[in-house]
Amino acid sequence: MIGMGDDVGVVDEADVTHRAAALVVPPMQPHCLLATADVVTYFVEPHCAFADRLREHHGGGITAAPELHNLTEDDVRPAGHRGSDDLDPRLVQALNTLADSDIALPELATDVGLSPQRLRALARQQLGMPLARWRVWTRLRRAAEALQRGQSLVDAATEAGFADQAHLTRQMREMMGLTPAALLPIVRSHSLSAT
């Protein structure tokens, strides 16, 4: 998260306030964004080279990242499209497969040469999040892409693999703090990047 004028503020689950020009919030880190006039938020795919860089420099908890204050999509895009060099290649293969399909975990694990238990453990260890949460994230991304193409909320929810629009709304509010209705004008006016 980058403040575009003022510092950005985030409160963590221990009720500690973090303020800086830019903050890195790792996956599965409960937090609340404080009201700020203008904030840019990047949701970084955990299996890309840019995520490797963030993990290396900002590994634990919510951390200040002043060096990212002037970050732009053009800075993120090249490393966002390049695969991770740090993660187990079988995990990266699994994440790439999950990004485009709703394959069952046992079949996915077999495809990448791991047991389901080992694949789950790798995800928790290397990504800091369970595969089930990753699956929800990929569905949210697919729904946002469908909305950007002009689909209705109902059609975007169905295409992304949610049971219905209410299911999409609950998952998006839980993971992003936004509803699809709030996201709609943003995705329709800006191009989404796969970062």
C-alpha atoms as a PDB file:
ATOM      1  CA  MET A   1       0.000   0.000   0.000  1.00  0.00           C
ATOM      2  CA  ILE A   2       1.373   3.368  -1.013  1.00  0.00           C
ATOM      3  CA  GLY A   3       0.160   6.737   0.219  1.00  0.00           C
ATOM      4  CA  MET A   4      -0.063   9.201  -2.677  1.00  0.00           C
ATOM      5  CA  GLY A   5       0.590  12.349  -0.680  1.00  0.00           C
ATOM      6  CA  ASP A   6       0.265  11.438   2.969  1.00  0.00           C
ATOM      7  CA  ASP A   7       1.562   8.356   4.732  1.00  0.00           C
ATOM      8  CA  VAL A   8      -0.618   5.274   4.581  1.00  0.00           C
ATOM      9  CA  GLY A   9      -1.800   3.835   7.897  1.00  0.00           C
ATOM     10  CA  VAL A  10      -2.702   0.267   8.803  1.00  0.00           C
ATOM     11  CA  VAL A  11      -3.763  -1.217  12.132  1.00  0.00           C
ATOM     12  CA  ASP A  12      -2.747  -4.845  12.752  1.00  0.00           C
ATOM     13  CA  GLU A  13      -4.569  -7.481  14.801  1.00  0.00           C
ATOM     14  CA  ALA A  14      -2.640  -6.471  17.967  1.00  0.00           C
ATOM     15  CA  ASP A  15      -4.087  -2.944  17.550  1.00  0.00           C
ATOM     16  CA  VAL A  16      -0.660  -1.539  16.586  1.00  0.00           C
ATOM     17  CA  THR A  17      -0.760   1.277  14.033  1.00  0.00           C
ATOM     18  CA  HIS A  18       1.821   1.195  11.245  1.00  0.00           C
ATOM     19  CA  ARG A  19       2.397   4.413   9.258  1.00  0.00           C
ATOM     20  CA  ALA A  20       4.787   5.022   6.390  1.00  0.00           C
ATOM     21  CA  ALA A  21       4.913   6.292   2.827  1.00  0.00           C
ATOM     22  CA  ALA A  22       4.573   2.638   1.761  1.00  0.00           C
ATOM     23  CA  LEU A  23       3.699  -0.509   3.713  1.00  0.00           C
ATOM     24  CA  VAL A  24       4.027  -4.194   2.837  1.00  0.00           C
ATOM     25  CA  VAL A  25       1.327  -6.464   4.264  1.00  0.00           C
ATOM     26  CA  PRO A  26       2.028 -10.192   3.902  1.00  0.00           C
ATOM     27  CA  PRO A  27      -0.645 -12.780   3.063  1.00  0.00           C
ATOM     28  CA  MET A  28      -3.043 -13.802   5.826  1.00  0.00           C
ATOM     29  CA  GLN A  29      -2.084 -10.773   7.949  1.00  0.00           C
ATOM     30  CA  PRO A  30      -5.305  -9.353   9.448  1.00  0.00           C
ATOM     31  CA  HIS A  31      -5.286  -5.576   9.131  1.00  0.00           C
ATOM     32  CA  CYS A  32      -7.456  -2.526   8.729  1.00  0.00           C
ATOM     33  CA  LEU A  33      -6.539   0.307   6.385  1.00  0.00           C
ATOM     34  CA  LEU A  34      -6.979   3.689   8.043  1.00  0.00           C
ATOM     35  CA  ALA A  35      -8.788   6.425   6.145  1.00  0.00           C
ATOM     36  CA  THR A  36      -6.331   8.069   3.763  1.00  0.00           C
ATOM     37  CA  ALA A  37      -7.113  10.498   0.967  1.00  0.00           C
ATOM     38  CA  ASP A  38      -5.359   8.576  -1.810  1.00  0.00           C
ATOM     39  CA  VAL A  39      -3.850   5.091  -1.596  1.00  0.00           C
ATOM     40  CA  VAL A  40      -2.564   2.752  -4.287  1.00  0.00           C
ATOM     41  CA  THR A  41      -2.748  -0.921  -3.398  1.00  0.00           C
ATOM     42  CA  TYR A  42      -0.941  -3.696  -5.253  1.00  0.00           C
ATOM     43  CA  PHE A  43      -2.099  -7.272  -4.742  1.00  0.00           C
ATOM     44  CA  VAL A  44       1.044  -9.181  -5.666  1.00  0.00           C
ATOM     45  CA  GLU A  45       0.819 -12.771  -6.885  1.00  0.00           C
ATOM     46  CA  PRO A  46       2.884 -14.799  -4.392  1.00  0.00           C
ATOM     47  CA  HIS A  47       4.582 -16.922  -7.047  1.00  0.00           C
ATOM     48  CA  CYS A  48       6.203 -14.114  -9.039  1.00  0.00           C
ATOM     49  CA  ALA A  49       9.693 -12.607  -8.885  1.00  0.00           C
ATOM     50  CA  PHE A  50       8.369  -9.365  -7.373  1.00  0.00           C
ATOM     51  CA  ALA A  51       6.944 -11.347  -4.438  1.00  0.00           C
ATOM     52  CA  ASP A  52      10.389 -12.961  -3.998  1.00  0.00           C
ATOM     53  CA  ARG A  53      11.836  -9.473  -3.581  1.00  0.00           C
ATOM     54  CA  LEU A  54       9.173  -8.471  -1.064  1.00  0.00           C
ATOM     55  CA  ARG A  55       9.679 -11.649   0.984  1.00  0.00           C
ATOM     56  CA  GLU A  56      13.444 -11.077   1.017  1.00  0.00           C
ATOM     57  CA  HIS A  57      13.241  -7.485   2.243  1.00  0.00           C
ATOM     58  CA  HIS A  58       9.938  -7.470   4.148  1.00  0.00           C
ATOM     59  CA  GLY A  59       9.501 -11.004   5.446  1.00  0.00           C
ATOM     60  CA  GLY A  60       7.506 -10.792   8.652  1.00  0.00           C
ATOM     61  CA  GLY A  61       4.476  -8.803   9.601  1.00  0.00           C
ATOM     62  CA  ILE A  62       3.476  -5.377   8.352  1.00  0.00           C
ATOM     63  CA  THR A  63       6.629  -3.445   7.493  1.00  0.00           C
ATOM     64  CA  ALA A  64       7.500   0.029   6.270  1.00  0.00           C
ATOM     65  CA  ALA A  65       8.877   0.067   2.732  1.00  0.00           C
ATOM     66  CA  PRO A  66      10.019   3.637   2.005  1.00  0.00           C
ATOM     67  CA  GLU A  67      11.928   2.440  -1.071  1.00  0.00           C
ATOM     68  CA  LEU A  68       8.584   1.542  -2.697  1.00  0.00           C
ATOM     69  CA  HIS A  69       7.016   4.997  -2.321  1.00  0.00           C
ATOM     70  CA  ASN A  70       7.358   5.858  -6.030  1.00  0.00           C
ATOM     71  CA  LEU A  71       6.482   2.361  -7.272  1.00  0.00           C
ATOM     72  CA  THR A  72       4.381   2.234 -10.438  1.00  0.00           C
ATOM     73  CA  GLU A  73       2.655  -0.536 -12.374  1.00  0.00           C
ATOM     74  CA  ASP A  74       5.432  -0.274 -14.954  1.00  0.00           C
ATOM     75  CA  ASP A  75       7.951  -1.072 -12.186  1.00  0.00           C
ATOM     76  CA  VAL A  76       5.963  -4.069 -10.951  1.00  0.00           C
ATOM     77  CA  ARG A  77       4.829  -5.551 -14.262  1.00  0.00           C
ATOM     78  CA  PRO A  78       8.118  -7.158 -15.489  1.00  0.00           C
ATOM     79  CA  ALA A  79       8.868  -8.901 -12.170  1.00  0.00           C
ATOM     80  CA  GLY A  80       5.156  -9.614 -11.700  1.00  0.00           C
ATOM     81  CA  HIS A  81       5.076 -11.626 -14.912  1.00  0.00           C
ATOM     82  CA  ARG A  82       8.315 -13.486 -14.235  1.00  0.00           C
ATOM     83  CA  GLY A  83       8.006 -16.641 -12.127  1.00  0.00           C
ATOM     84  CA  SER A  84       9.511 -17.022  -8.693  1.00  0.00           C
ATOM     85  CA  ASP A  85      13.090 -18.214  -8.389  1.00  0.00           C
ATOM     86  CA  ASP A  86      12.732 -18.835  -4.635  1.00  0.00           C
ATOM     87  CA  LEU A  87       9.668 -21.082  -4.392  1.00  0.00           C
ATOM     88  CA  ASP A  88       9.660 -24.815  -4.955  1.00  0.00           C
ATOM     89  CA  PRO A  89       9.003 -25.279  -8.710  1.00  0.00           C
ATOM     90  CA  ARG A  90       6.291 -27.861  -7.973  1.00  0.00           C
ATOM     91  CA  LEU A  91       4.430 -25.281  -5.876  1.00  0.00           C
ATOM     92  CA  VAL A  92       4.757 -22.701  -8.655  1.00  0.00           C
ATOM     93  CA  GLN A  93       3.406 -25.248 -11.152  1.00  0.00           C
ATOM     94  CA  ALA A  94       0.479 -25.983  -8.819  1.00  0.00           C
ATOM     95  CA  LEU A  95      -0.322 -22.282  -8.390  1.00  0.00           C
ATOM     96  CA  ASN A  96      -0.189 -21.697 -12.135  1.00  0.00           C
ATOM     97  CA  THR A  97      -2.605 -24.588 -12.645  1.00  0.00           C
ATOM     98  CA  LEU A  98      -4.950 -23.329  -9.921  1.00  0.00           C
ATOM     99  CA  ALA A  99      -4.958 -19.858 -11.458  1.00  0.00           C
ATOM    100  CA  ASP A 100      -6.744 -21.202 -14.530  1.00  0.00           C
ATOM    101  CA  SER A 101      -8.819 -24.114 -13.258  1.00  0.00           C
ATOM    102  CA  ASP A 102     -10.768 -25.558 -10.360  1.00  0.00           C
ATOM    103  CA  ILE A 103      -8.837 -28.835 -10.269  1.00  0.00           C
ATOM    104  CA  ALA A 104      -9.272 -30.950  -7.128  1.00  0.00           C
ATOM    105  CA  LEU A 105      -6.332 -30.923  -4.710  1.00  0.00           C
ATOM    106  CA  PRO A 106      -5.555 -34.676  -4.913  1.00  0.00           C
ATOM    107  CA  GLU A 107      -5.371 -34.492  -8.718  1.00  0.00           C
ATOM    108  CA  LEU A 108      -3.310 -31.297  -8.584  1.00  0.00           C
ATOM    109  CA  ALA A 109      -0.860 -32.846  -6.111  1.00  0.00           C
ATOM    110  CA  THR A 110      -0.460 -35.914  -8.334  1.00  0.00           C
ATOM    111  CA  ASP A 111       0.131 -33.690 -11.374  1.00  0.00           C
ATOM    112  CA  VAL A 112       3.034 -31.917  -9.637  1.00  0.00           C
ATOM    113  CA  GLY A 113       4.473 -35.060  -8.046  1.00  0.00           C
ATOM    114  CA  LEU A 114       3.562 -34.409  -4.410  1.00  0.00           C
ATOM    115  CA  SER A 115       1.135 -35.787  -1.878  1.00  0.00           C
ATOM    116  CA  PRO A 116      -1.772 -33.477  -1.038  1.00  0.00           C
ATOM    117  CA  GLN A 117      -0.373 -33.070   2.495  1.00  0.00           C
ATOM    118  CA  ARG A 118       3.083 -32.073   1.202  1.00  0.00           C
ATOM    119  CA  LEU A 119       1.594 -29.611  -1.289  1.00  0.00           C
ATOM    120  CA  ARG A 120      -0.475 -28.000   1.488  1.00  0.00           C
ATOM    121  CA  ALA A 121       2.593 -27.803   3.735  1.00  0.00           C
ATOM    122  CA  LEU A 122       4.693 -26.195   0.968  1.00  0.00           C
ATOM    123  CA  ALA A 123       2.035 -23.543   0.407  1.00  0.00           C
ATOM    124  CA  ARG A 124       1.848 -22.661   4.094  1.00  0.00           C
ATOM    125  CA  GLN A 125       5.627 -22.689   4.503  1.00  0.00           C
ATOM    126  CA  GLN A 126       6.622 -20.800   1.367  1.00  0.00           C
ATOM    127  CA  LEU A 127       3.597 -18.588   0.664  1.00  0.00           C
ATOM    128  CA  GLY A 128       2.358 -18.015   4.185  1.00  0.00           C
ATOM    129  CA  MET A 129      -1.156 -18.988   3.146  1.00  0.00           C
ATOM    130  CA  PRO A 130      -3.155 -22.176   2.655  1.00  0.00           C
ATOM    131  CA  LEU A 131      -4.020 -23.323  -0.849  1.00  0.00           C
ATOM    132  CA  ALA A 132      -7.718 -22.873  -0.090  1.00  0.00           C
ATOM    133  CA  ARG A 133      -7.126 -19.134   0.390  1.00  0.00           C
ATOM    134  CA  TRP A 134      -5.065 -19.034  -2.805  1.00  0.00           C
ATOM    135  CA  ARG A 135      -7.985 -20.635  -4.660  1.00  0.00           C
ATOM    136  CA  VAL A 136     -10.338 -17.920  -3.337  1.00  0.00           C
ATOM    137  CA  TRP A 137      -7.817 -15.247  -4.403  1.00  0.00           C
ATOM    138  CA  THR A 138      -7.664 -16.643  -7.957  1.00  0.00           C
ATOM    139  CA  ARG A 139     -11.448 -16.708  -8.145  1.00  0.00           C
ATOM    140  CA  LEU A 140     -11.589 -13.082  -6.989  1.00  0.00           C
ATOM    141  CA  ARG A 141      -9.054 -12.122  -9.652  1.00  0.00           C
ATOM    142  CA  ARG A 142     -11.078 -13.955 -12.321  1.00  0.00           C
ATOM    143  CA  ALA A 143     -14.258 -12.181 -11.149  1.00  0.00           C
ATOM    144  CA  ALA A 144     -12.523  -8.780 -11.325  1.00  0.00           C
ATOM    145  CA  GLU A 145     -11.308  -9.572 -14.848  1.00  0.00           C
ATOM    146  CA  ALA A 146     -14.847 -10.582 -15.883  1.00  0.00           C
ATOM    147  CA  LEU A 147     -16.220  -7.323 -14.435  1.00  0.00           C
ATOM    148  CA  GLN A 148     -13.580  -5.397 -16.333  1.00  0.00           C
ATOM    149  CA  ARG A 149     -14.747  -7.039 -19.569  1.00  0.00           C
ATOM    150  CA  GLY A 150     -18.237  -5.680 -18.858  1.00  0.00           C
ATOM    151  CA  GLN A 151     -19.946  -8.749 -17.407  1.00  0.00           C
ATOM    152  CA  SER A 152     -22.639  -8.329 -14.767  1.00  0.00           C
ATOM    153  CA  LEU A 153     -21.909  -9.141 -11.130  1.00  0.00           C
ATOM    154  CA  VAL A 154     -23.986 -12.320 -11.393  1.00  0.00           C
ATOM    155  CA  ASP A 155     -22.166 -13.518 -14.522  1.00  0.00           C
ATOM    156  CA  ALA A 156     -18.739 -12.603 -13.114  1.00  0.00           C
ATOM    157  CA  ALA A 157     -19.477 -14.581  -9.931  1.00  0.00           C
ATOM    158  CA  THR A 158     -20.560 -17.635 -11.916  1.00  0.00           C
ATOM    159  CA  GLU A 159     -17.610 -17.471 -14.329  1.00  0.00           C
ATOM    160  CA  ALA A 160     -15.137 -17.181 -11.451  1.00  0.00           C
ATOM    161  CA  GLY A 161     -16.511 -20.269  -9.686  1.00  0.00           C
ATOM    162  CA  PHE A 162     -18.566 -18.697  -6.898  1.00  0.00           C
ATOM    163  CA  ALA A 163     -21.948 -20.176  -5.996  1.00  0.00           C
ATOM    164  CA  ASP A 164     -23.675 -16.834  -6.590  1.00  0.00           C
ATOM    165  CA  GLN A 165     -23.226 -13.066  -6.318  1.00  0.00           C
ATOM    166  CA  ALA A 166     -23.670 -13.138  -2.521  1.00  0.00           C
ATOM    167  CA  HIS A 167     -20.849 -15.698  -2.210  1.00  0.00           C
ATOM    168  CA  LEU A 168     -18.577 -13.462  -4.329  1.00  0.00           C
ATOM    169  CA  THR A 169     -19.494 -10.452  -2.184  1.00  0.00           C
ATOM    170  CA  ARG A 170     -18.746 -12.255   1.106  1.00  0.00           C
ATOM    171  CA  GLN A 171     -15.379 -13.569  -0.111  1.00  0.00           C
ATOM    172  CA  MET A 172     -14.299 -10.234  -1.585  1.00  0.00           C
ATOM    173  CA  ARG A 173     -15.269  -8.304   1.538  1.00  0.00           C
ATOM    174  CA  GLU A 174     -13.383 -10.815   3.717  1.00  0.00           C
ATOM    175  CA  MET A 175     -10.187 -10.868   1.640  1.00  0.00           C
ATOM    176  CA  MET A 176     -10.028  -7.332   0.270  1.00  0.00           C
ATOM    177  CA  GLY A 177     -12.278  -5.239   2.463  1.00  0.00           C
ATOM    178  CA  LEU A 178     -14.276  -4.229  -0.621  1.00  0.00           C
ATOM    179  CA  THR A 179     -17.525  -5.324  -2.180  1.00  0.00           C
ATOM    180  CA  PRO A 180     -17.838  -6.066  -5.904  1.00  0.00           C
ATOM    181  CA  ALA A 181     -20.088  -3.017  -6.225  1.00  0.00           C
ATOM    182  CA  ALA A 182     -17.302  -0.818  -4.796  1.00  0.00           C
ATOM    183  CA  LEU A 183     -14.715  -2.465  -7.046  1.00  0.00           C
ATOM    184  CA  LEU A 184     -16.809  -2.194 -10.208  1.00  0.00           C
ATOM    185  CA  PRO A 185     -16.103   1.470 -11.091  1.00  0.00           C
ATOM    186  CA  ILE A 186     -12.386   0.942 -10.405  1.00  0.00           C
ATOM    187  CA  VAL A 187     -11.948  -2.098 -12.664  1.00  0.00           C
ATOM    188  CA  ARG A 188     -14.053  -0.618 -15.424  1.00  0.00           C
ATOM    189  CA  SER A 189     -11.994   2.591 -15.502  1.00  0.00           C
ATOM    190  CA  HIS A 190      -8.498   1.080 -15.113  1.00  0.00           C
ATOM    191  CA  SER A 191      -6.767  -1.804 -16.789  1.00  0.00           C
ATOM    192  CA  LEU A 192      -5.916  -4.703 -14.498  1.00  0.00           C
ATOM    193  CA  SER A 193      -2.331  -5.900 -14.442  1.00  0.00           C
ATOM    194  CA  ALA A 194      -1.319  -9.413 -13.483  1.00  0.00           C
ATOM    195  CA  THR A 195       1.013  -8.458 -10.658  1.00  0.00           C
END
